[in-house]
Amino acid sequence: MAAAHFNWLQLVPGVTHDNVHVATALATSGILIAGAAVGRLALGSGDAAVAPASKFSIKGIYELVLEFIVGVCDMVVGEEGRKFVPMFAAIFFYVWINNFVGILPGMTPATDNINTTLALGIFSFLVYNYYGFKEHGIGYLKQFLGPLLLLAPLMIVIEIIGHLVRPLTLGLRLYGNIMADHTVLSVFIEMFEKFWFIPVPAIFYGMGIFVASMQAFVFTMLSMIYVSMAISHDH
């Protein structure tokens, strides 16, 4: 049996290889809370919060990220989707930071554990259904009937299966990509650890950063699409 990878968080009393993903997820939550507090202080209040940053600063970074998320939300959900920006920003940063942790030496991401990614998928599932019922009331169930009443019995089965599969596909996609990326990075680092002058590991670190960011974006984008479909009045 292969030896388990060491994780720095295992130095914390009570943290073992079996529950290290829980510790990583909790640490990520702490980072997000601290980041939100720093962002609140950086943005200021009153007129100072509205005025854009005039130079490179923490406030400017927060504004850049916020504008990006608002832009994507406007494109996918529409202008009414701006009320969901804080939630989508939290989803993106939670997944991204968890993914990014796996790139750090001696750390493993919480998102290479199926329990974490399925929990995130279930959260997205519950959120978009909640907003669907909030927007349409019991009329939200009409989306499960399909365009023709004659096909409703068949469409109900198809729609229910499709909706139930969504959290599973969200979780498995994120889990598979992060686990594969972490495995590839670990293998190449071990292969070239004695040849520090060969920059191959640096290339895969760059790919790891790209994969971590892209998977966080894809997860957030799909969550936006599901919310957009749930609150849509076109059905």
C-alpha atoms as a PDB file:
ATOM      1  CA  MET A   1       0.000   0.000   0.000  1.00  0.00           C
ATOM      2  CA  ALA A   2       1.351   3.419  -0.975  1.00  0.00           C
ATOM      3  CA  ALA A   3       2.309   5.742   1.881  1.00  0.00           C
ATOM      4  CA  ALA A   4      -0.006   8.645   2.538  1.00  0.00           C
ATOM      5  CA  HIS A   5       1.272  12.077   1.594  1.00  0.00           C
ATOM      6  CA  PHE A   6       2.332  14.273   4.465  1.00  0.00           C
ATOM      7  CA  ASN A   7       0.308  17.397   5.068  1.00  0.00           C
ATOM      8  CA  TRP A   8       1.420  20.282   7.263  1.00  0.00           C
ATOM      9  CA  LEU A   9      -2.029  20.457   8.830  1.00  0.00           C
ATOM     10  CA  GLN A  10      -1.428  17.001  10.312  1.00  0.00           C
ATOM     11  CA  LEU A  11       0.837  18.743  12.819  1.00  0.00           C
ATOM     12  CA  VAL A  12      -2.323  20.216  14.332  1.00  0.00           C
ATOM     13  CA  PRO A  13      -3.578  18.001  17.197  1.00  0.00           C
ATOM     14  CA  GLY A  14      -6.534  15.888  16.106  1.00  0.00           C
ATOM     15  CA  VAL A  15      -5.871  16.252  12.367  1.00  0.00           C
ATOM     16  CA  THR A  16      -5.117  12.955  10.623  1.00  0.00           C
ATOM     17  CA  HIS A  17      -4.780  11.842   7.020  1.00  0.00           C
ATOM     18  CA  ASP A  18      -8.451  10.802   7.062  1.00  0.00           C
ATOM     19  CA  ASN A  19      -9.824  14.189   8.124  1.00  0.00           C
ATOM     20  CA  VAL A  20      -7.184  16.561   6.761  1.00  0.00           C
ATOM     21  CA  HIS A  21      -9.582  17.685   4.019  1.00  0.00           C
ATOM     22  CA  VAL A  22     -11.959  18.900   6.743  1.00  0.00           C
ATOM     23  CA  ALA A  23      -9.142  20.906   8.335  1.00  0.00           C
ATOM     24  CA  THR A  24      -8.238  22.378   4.932  1.00  0.00           C
ATOM     25  CA  ALA A  25     -11.863  23.340   4.271  1.00  0.00           C
ATOM     26  CA  LEU A  26     -12.109  25.022   7.688  1.00  0.00           C
ATOM     27  CA  ALA A  27      -8.823  26.842   7.119  1.00  0.00           C
ATOM     28  CA  THR A  28     -10.153  28.042   3.752  1.00  0.00           C
ATOM     29  CA  SER A  29     -13.283  29.360   5.467  1.00  0.00           C
ATOM     30  CA  GLY A  30     -11.070  31.260   7.918  1.00  0.00           C
ATOM     31  CA  ILE A  31      -9.061  32.737   5.048  1.00  0.00           C
ATOM     32  CA  LEU A  32     -12.260  33.871   3.312  1.00  0.00           C
ATOM     33  CA  ILE A  33     -13.618  35.488   6.477  1.00  0.00           C
ATOM     34  CA  ALA A  34     -10.324  37.277   7.055  1.00  0.00           C
ATOM     35  CA  GLY A  35     -10.206  38.312   3.393  1.00  0.00           C
ATOM     36  CA  ALA A  36     -13.744  39.691   3.587  1.00  0.00           C
ATOM     37  CA  ALA A  37     -12.798  41.716   6.662  1.00  0.00           C
ATOM     38  CA  VAL A  38      -9.683  43.079   4.946  1.00  0.00           C
ATOM     39  CA  GLY A  39     -11.719  43.887   1.837  1.00  0.00           C
ATOM     40  CA  ARG A  40     -14.312  45.737   3.884  1.00  0.00           C
ATOM     41  CA  LEU A  41     -11.600  47.867   5.460  1.00  0.00           C
ATOM     42  CA  ALA A  42      -9.850  48.409   2.117  1.00  0.00           C
ATOM     43  CA  LEU A  43     -13.028  49.522   0.321  1.00  0.00           C
ATOM     44  CA  GLY A  44     -13.906  51.981   3.069  1.00  0.00           C
ATOM     45  CA  SER A  45     -17.364  53.482   3.515  1.00  0.00           C
ATOM     46  CA  GLY A  46     -19.452  56.338   2.160  1.00  0.00           C
ATOM     47  CA  ASP A  47     -17.947  58.243  -0.782  1.00  0.00           C
ATOM     48  CA  ALA A  48     -14.618  56.465  -0.344  1.00  0.00           C
ATOM     49  CA  ALA A  49     -16.245  53.103  -1.080  1.00  0.00           C
ATOM     50  CA  VAL A  50     -17.800  54.390  -4.323  1.00  0.00           C
ATOM     51  CA  ALA A  51     -14.721  56.165  -5.674  1.00  0.00           C
ATOM     52  CA  PRO A  52     -12.519  53.827  -7.776  1.00  0.00           C
ATOM     53  CA  ALA A  53      -8.947  53.168  -6.702  1.00  0.00           C
ATOM     54  CA  SER A  54      -6.500  55.586  -8.326  1.00  0.00           C
ATOM     55  CA  LYS A  55      -3.460  53.319  -7.946  1.00  0.00           C
ATOM     56  CA  PHE A  56      -2.490  49.707  -7.461  1.00  0.00           C
ATOM     57  CA  SER A  57      -3.677  48.705  -3.998  1.00  0.00           C
ATOM     58  CA  ILE A  58      -5.650  46.099  -2.082  1.00  0.00           C
ATOM     59  CA  LYS A  59      -8.785  48.091  -2.841  1.00  0.00           C
ATOM     60  CA  GLY A  60      -7.935  48.052  -6.553  1.00  0.00           C
ATOM     61  CA  ILE A  61      -7.498  44.255  -6.489  1.00  0.00           C
ATOM     62  CA  TYR A  62     -10.855  43.780  -4.795  1.00  0.00           C
ATOM     63  CA  GLU A  63     -12.522  46.111  -7.299  1.00  0.00           C
ATOM     64  CA  LEU A  64     -10.969  44.221 -10.220  1.00  0.00           C
ATOM     65  CA  VAL A  65     -12.193  40.858  -8.945  1.00  0.00           C
ATOM     66  CA  LEU A  66     -15.643  42.267  -8.160  1.00  0.00           C
ATOM     67  CA  GLU A  67     -15.985  43.809 -11.623  1.00  0.00           C
ATOM     68  CA  PHE A  68     -15.047  40.471 -13.204  1.00  0.00           C
ATOM     69  CA  ILE A  69     -17.644  38.526 -11.212  1.00  0.00           C
ATOM     70  CA  VAL A  70     -20.309  41.189 -11.825  1.00  0.00           C
ATOM     71  CA  GLY A  71     -19.541  41.107 -15.558  1.00  0.00           C
ATOM     72  CA  VAL A  72     -19.866  37.322 -15.753  1.00  0.00           C
ATOM     73  CA  CYS A  73     -23.057  37.411 -13.656  1.00  0.00           C
ATOM     74  CA  ASP A  74     -24.569  40.077 -15.941  1.00  0.00           C
ATOM     75  CA  MET A  75     -23.738  37.937 -18.965  1.00  0.00           C
ATOM     76  CA  VAL A  76     -25.169  34.692 -17.585  1.00  0.00           C
ATOM     77  CA  VAL A  77     -28.021  35.728 -15.276  1.00  0.00           C
ATOM     78  CA  GLY A  78     -28.728  39.295 -16.403  1.00  0.00           C
ATOM     79  CA  GLU A  79     -28.830  42.521 -14.463  1.00  0.00           C
ATOM     80  CA  GLU A  80     -31.151  41.033 -11.848  1.00  0.00           C
ATOM     81  CA  GLY A  81     -28.369  38.581 -11.127  1.00  0.00           C
ATOM     82  CA  ARG A  82     -26.340  41.251  -9.350  1.00  0.00           C
ATOM     83  CA  LYS A  83     -28.075  40.388  -6.111  1.00  0.00           C
ATOM     84  CA  PHE A  84     -26.389  36.982  -6.363  1.00  0.00           C
ATOM     85  CA  VAL A  85     -22.883  38.410  -6.784  1.00  0.00           C
ATOM     86  CA  PRO A  86     -21.860  37.970  -3.110  1.00  0.00           C
ATOM     87  CA  MET A  87     -22.903  34.306  -3.220  1.00  0.00           C
ATOM     88  CA  PHE A  88     -21.139  33.588  -6.506  1.00  0.00           C
ATOM     89  CA  ALA A  89     -18.029  35.425  -5.298  1.00  0.00           C
ATOM     90  CA  ALA A  90     -18.020  33.282  -2.148  1.00  0.00           C
ATOM     91  CA  ILE A  91     -18.393  30.088  -4.212  1.00  0.00           C
ATOM     92  CA  PHE A  92     -15.591  31.094  -6.575  1.00  0.00           C
ATOM     93  CA  PHE A  93     -13.123  32.055  -3.871  1.00  0.00           C
ATOM     94  CA  TYR A  94     -13.943  29.050  -1.690  1.00  0.00           C
ATOM     95  CA  VAL A  95     -13.321  26.612  -4.552  1.00  0.00           C
ATOM     96  CA  TRP A  96     -10.338  28.558  -5.898  1.00  0.00           C
ATOM     97  CA  ILE A  97      -8.507  28.807  -2.576  1.00  0.00           C
ATOM     98  CA  ASN A  98      -9.167  25.145  -1.832  1.00  0.00           C
ATOM     99  CA  ASN A  99      -7.806  24.239  -5.277  1.00  0.00           C
ATOM    100  CA  PHE A 100      -4.815  26.525  -4.896  1.00  0.00           C
ATOM    101  CA  VAL A 101      -3.839  24.969  -1.543  1.00  0.00           C
ATOM    102  CA  GLY A 102      -2.922  21.789  -3.415  1.00  0.00           C
ATOM    103  CA  ILE A 103      -0.180  23.632  -5.301  1.00  0.00           C
ATOM    104  CA  LEU A 104       1.625  24.553  -2.087  1.00  0.00           C
ATOM    105  CA  PRO A 105       4.341  22.070  -1.024  1.00  0.00           C
ATOM    106  CA  GLY A 106       3.244  19.853   1.848  1.00  0.00           C
ATOM    107  CA  MET A 107      -0.457  20.628   1.387  1.00  0.00           C
ATOM    108  CA  THR A 108      -3.363  18.794  -0.194  1.00  0.00           C
ATOM    109  CA  PRO A 109      -6.547  20.518  -1.378  1.00  0.00           C
ATOM    110  CA  ALA A 110      -9.886  19.772   0.230  1.00  0.00           C
ATOM    111  CA  THR A 111     -11.300  19.574  -3.286  1.00  0.00           C
ATOM    112  CA  ASP A 112      -9.408  16.367  -4.101  1.00  0.00           C
ATOM    113  CA  ASN A 113     -11.747  14.650  -1.616  1.00  0.00           C
ATOM    114  CA  ILE A 114     -15.063  13.506  -3.045  1.00  0.00           C
ATOM    115  CA  ASN A 115     -16.922  14.407   0.163  1.00  0.00           C
ATOM    116  CA  THR A 116     -15.960  18.081  -0.190  1.00  0.00           C
ATOM    117  CA  THR A 117     -16.811  18.374  -3.866  1.00  0.00           C
ATOM    118  CA  LEU A 118     -20.141  16.567  -3.519  1.00  0.00           C
ATOM    119  CA  ALA A 119     -21.032  18.877  -0.613  1.00  0.00           C
ATOM    120  CA  LEU A 120     -20.312  21.853  -2.875  1.00  0.00           C
ATOM    121  CA  GLY A 121     -22.431  20.304  -5.637  1.00  0.00           C
ATOM    122  CA  ILE A 122     -25.322  19.725  -3.227  1.00  0.00           C
ATOM    123  CA  PHE A 123     -25.023  23.317  -1.994  1.00  0.00           C
ATOM    124  CA  SER A 124     -25.338  24.605  -5.569  1.00  0.00           C
ATOM    125  CA  PHE A 125     -28.303  22.256  -6.140  1.00  0.00           C
ATOM    126  CA  LEU A 126     -30.136  23.485  -3.041  1.00  0.00           C
ATOM    127  CA  VAL A 127     -29.410  27.140  -3.815  1.00  0.00           C
ATOM    128  CA  TYR A 128     -30.751  27.208  -7.377  1.00  0.00           C
ATOM    129  CA  ASN A 129     -33.878  25.248  -6.429  1.00  0.00           C
ATOM    130  CA  TYR A 130     -34.466  27.582  -3.490  1.00  0.00           C
ATOM    131  CA  TYR A 131     -34.283  30.639  -5.737  1.00  0.00           C
ATOM    132  CA  GLY A 132     -36.451  28.893  -8.317  1.00  0.00           C
ATOM    133  CA  PHE A 133     -39.240  28.412  -5.778  1.00  0.00           C
ATOM    134  CA  LYS A 134     -38.651  31.904  -4.375  1.00  0.00           C
ATOM    135  CA  GLU A 135     -39.068  33.451  -7.835  1.00  0.00           C
ATOM    136  CA  HIS A 136     -41.978  31.359  -9.150  1.00  0.00           C
ATOM    137  CA  GLY A 137     -43.547  29.803  -6.078  1.00  0.00           C
ATOM    138  CA  ILE A 138     -45.140  26.432  -6.745  1.00  0.00           C
ATOM    139  CA  GLY A 139     -45.179  27.433 -10.423  1.00  0.00           C
ATOM    140  CA  TYR A 140     -41.455  26.550 -10.510  1.00  0.00           C
ATOM    141  CA  LEU A 141     -42.529  22.921 -10.932  1.00  0.00           C
ATOM    142  CA  LYS A 142     -43.908  23.804 -14.381  1.00  0.00           C
ATOM    143  CA  GLN A 143     -40.311  23.803 -15.618  1.00  0.00           C
ATOM    144  CA  PHE A 144     -40.328  20.030 -15.093  1.00  0.00           C
ATOM    145  CA  LEU A 145     -43.317  19.507 -17.416  1.00  0.00           C
ATOM    146  CA  GLY A 146     -41.623  20.385 -20.693  1.00  0.00           C
ATOM    147  CA  PRO A 147     -43.044  22.444 -23.590  1.00  0.00           C
ATOM    148  CA  LEU A 148     -45.941  20.063 -24.400  1.00  0.00           C
ATOM    149  CA  LEU A 149     -48.508  18.833 -21.879  1.00  0.00           C
ATOM    150  CA  LEU A 150     -48.769  15.566 -23.821  1.00  0.00           C
ATOM    151  CA  LEU A 151     -45.107  14.817 -23.090  1.00  0.00           C
ATOM    152  CA  ALA A 152     -45.307  15.916 -19.457  1.00  0.00           C
ATOM    153  CA  PRO A 153     -45.206  12.394 -17.908  1.00  0.00           C
ATOM    154  CA  LEU A 154     -42.007  11.594 -19.807  1.00  0.00           C
ATOM    155  CA  MET A 155     -40.456  15.024 -19.295  1.00  0.00           C
ATOM    156  CA  ILE A 156     -41.037  14.923 -15.529  1.00  0.00           C
ATOM    157  CA  VAL A 157     -38.940  11.756 -15.257  1.00  0.00           C
ATOM    158  CA  ILE A 158     -36.213  13.162 -17.509  1.00  0.00           C
ATOM    159  CA  GLU A 159     -36.117  16.521 -15.712  1.00  0.00           C
ATOM    160  CA  ILE A 160     -36.001  14.962 -12.233  1.00  0.00           C
ATOM    161  CA  ILE A 161     -33.143  12.675 -13.234  1.00  0.00           C
ATOM    162  CA  GLY A 162     -31.357  15.604 -14.900  1.00  0.00           C
ATOM    163  CA  HIS A 163     -31.668  17.783 -11.809  1.00  0.00           C
ATOM    164  CA  LEU A 164     -30.588  15.028  -9.424  1.00  0.00           C
ATOM    165  CA  VAL A 165     -27.513  14.328 -11.550  1.00  0.00           C
ATOM    166  CA  ARG A 166     -26.359  17.965 -11.485  1.00  0.00           C
ATOM    167  CA  PRO A 167     -24.796  17.974  -7.992  1.00  0.00           C
ATOM    168  CA  LEU A 168     -23.121  14.657  -8.796  1.00  0.00           C
ATOM    169  CA  THR A 169     -21.609  15.925 -12.045  1.00  0.00           C
ATOM    170  CA  LEU A 170     -20.518  19.183 -10.400  1.00  0.00           C
ATOM    171  CA  GLY A 171     -18.796  17.288  -7.604  1.00  0.00           C
ATOM    172  CA  LEU A 172     -17.218  14.593  -9.784  1.00  0.00           C
ATOM    173  CA  ARG A 173     -15.935  17.083 -12.368  1.00  0.00           C
ATOM    174  CA  LEU A 174     -14.227  19.205  -9.735  1.00  0.00           C
ATOM    175  CA  TYR A 175     -12.907  16.178  -7.824  1.00  0.00           C
ATOM    176  CA  GLY A 176     -11.556  14.423 -10.923  1.00  0.00           C
ATOM    177  CA  ASN A 177      -9.765  17.438 -12.351  1.00  0.00           C
ATOM    178  CA  ILE A 178      -8.173  18.551  -9.078  1.00  0.00           C
ATOM    179  CA  MET A 179      -7.119  15.033  -8.088  1.00  0.00           C
ATOM    180  CA  ALA A 180      -5.597  14.447 -11.527  1.00  0.00           C
ATOM    181  CA  ASP A 181      -3.780  17.786 -11.487  1.00  0.00           C
ATOM    182  CA  HIS A 182      -2.443  17.189  -7.981  1.00  0.00           C
ATOM    183  CA  THR A 183      -1.290  13.672  -8.945  1.00  0.00           C
ATOM    184  CA  VAL A 184       0.510  14.865 -12.078  1.00  0.00           C
ATOM    185  CA  LEU A 185       2.204  17.687 -10.175  1.00  0.00           C
ATOM    186  CA  SER A 186       3.351  15.312  -7.427  1.00  0.00           C
ATOM    187  CA  VAL A 187       4.727  12.782  -9.911  1.00  0.00           C
ATOM    188  CA  PHE A 188       6.773  15.309 -11.856  1.00  0.00           C
ATOM    189  CA  ILE A 189       8.105  16.975  -8.712  1.00  0.00           C
ATOM    190  CA  GLU A 190       9.313  13.593  -7.448  1.00  0.00           C
ATOM    191  CA  MET A 191      10.843  12.764 -10.826  1.00  0.00           C
ATOM    192  CA  PHE A 192      12.849  15.981 -11.039  1.00  0.00           C
ATOM    193  CA  GLU A 193      13.508  16.770  -7.364  1.00  0.00           C
ATOM    194  CA  LYS A 194      17.164  15.782  -7.766  1.00  0.00           C
ATOM    195  CA  PHE A 195      17.516  17.887 -10.896  1.00  0.00           C
ATOM    196  CA  TRP A 196      16.640  21.277  -9.458  1.00  0.00           C
ATOM    197  CA  PHE A 197      18.244  23.041 -12.463  1.00  0.00           C
ATOM    198  CA  ILE A 198      15.593  21.587 -14.832  1.00  0.00           C
ATOM    199  CA  PRO A 199      12.510  23.872 -14.821  1.00  0.00           C
ATOM    200  CA  VAL A 200       9.982  21.107 -15.586  1.00  0.00           C
ATOM    201  CA  PRO A 201       8.280  21.290 -12.145  1.00  0.00           C
ATOM    202  CA  ALA A 202       7.866  25.049 -12.578  1.00  0.00           C
ATOM    203  CA  ILE A 203       5.937  24.415 -15.798  1.00  0.00           C
ATOM    204  CA  PHE A 204       3.556  22.052 -14.023  1.00  0.00           C
ATOM    205  CA  TYR A 205       3.163  24.502 -11.145  1.00  0.00           C
ATOM    206  CA  GLY A 206       1.990  27.007 -13.750  1.00  0.00           C
ATOM    207  CA  MET A 207      -0.420  24.447 -15.169  1.00  0.00           C
ATOM    208  CA  GLY A 208      -1.604  23.713 -11.631  1.00  0.00           C
ATOM    209  CA  ILE A 209      -2.432  27.382 -11.058  1.00  0.00           C
ATOM    210  CA  PHE A 210      -4.302  27.466 -14.375  1.00  0.00           C
ATOM    211  CA  VAL A 211      -6.301  24.305 -13.574  1.00  0.00           C
ATOM    212  CA  ALA A 212      -7.113  25.539 -10.051  1.00  0.00           C
ATOM    213  CA  SER A 213      -8.412  28.839 -11.416  1.00  0.00           C
ATOM    214  CA  MET A 214     -10.255  27.340 -14.385  1.00  0.00           C
ATOM    215  CA  GLN A 215     -12.060  24.711 -12.307  1.00  0.00           C
ATOM    216  CA  ALA A 216     -13.181  27.353  -9.810  1.00  0.00           C
ATOM    217  CA  PHE A 217     -14.475  29.437 -12.724  1.00  0.00           C
ATOM    218  CA  VAL A 218     -16.267  26.472 -14.341  1.00  0.00           C
ATOM    219  CA  PHE A 219     -17.953  25.481 -11.072  1.00  0.00           C
ATOM    220  CA  THR A 220     -19.094  29.056 -10.462  1.00  0.00           C
ATOM    221  CA  MET A 221     -20.243  29.493 -14.067  1.00  0.00           C
ATOM    222  CA  LEU A 222     -22.343  26.308 -13.968  1.00  0.00           C
ATOM    223  CA  SER A 223     -23.890  27.441 -10.671  1.00  0.00           C
ATOM    224  CA  MET A 224     -24.765  30.748 -12.339  1.00  0.00           C
ATOM    225  CA  ILE A 225     -26.356  28.935 -15.273  1.00  0.00           C
ATOM    226  CA  TYR A 226     -28.461  26.762 -12.981  1.00  0.00           C
ATOM    227  CA  VAL A 227     -29.680  29.810 -11.028  1.00  0.00           C
ATOM    228  CA  SER A 228     -30.412  31.637 -14.289  1.00  0.00           C
ATOM    229  CA  MET A 229     -32.478  28.697 -15.576  1.00  0.00           C
ATOM    230  CA  ALA A 230     -34.334  28.365 -12.266  1.00  0.00           C
ATOM    231  CA  ILE A 231     -35.426  32.015 -12.074  1.00  0.00           C
ATOM    232  CA  SER A 232     -36.088  32.404 -15.802  1.00  0.00           C
ATOM    233  CA  HIS A 233     -39.620  33.301 -16.924  1.00  0.00           C
ATOM    234  CA  ASP A 234     -39.133  31.930 -20.446  1.00  0.00           C
ATOM    235  CA  HIS A 235     -40.380  28.449 -19.613  1.00  0.00           C
END
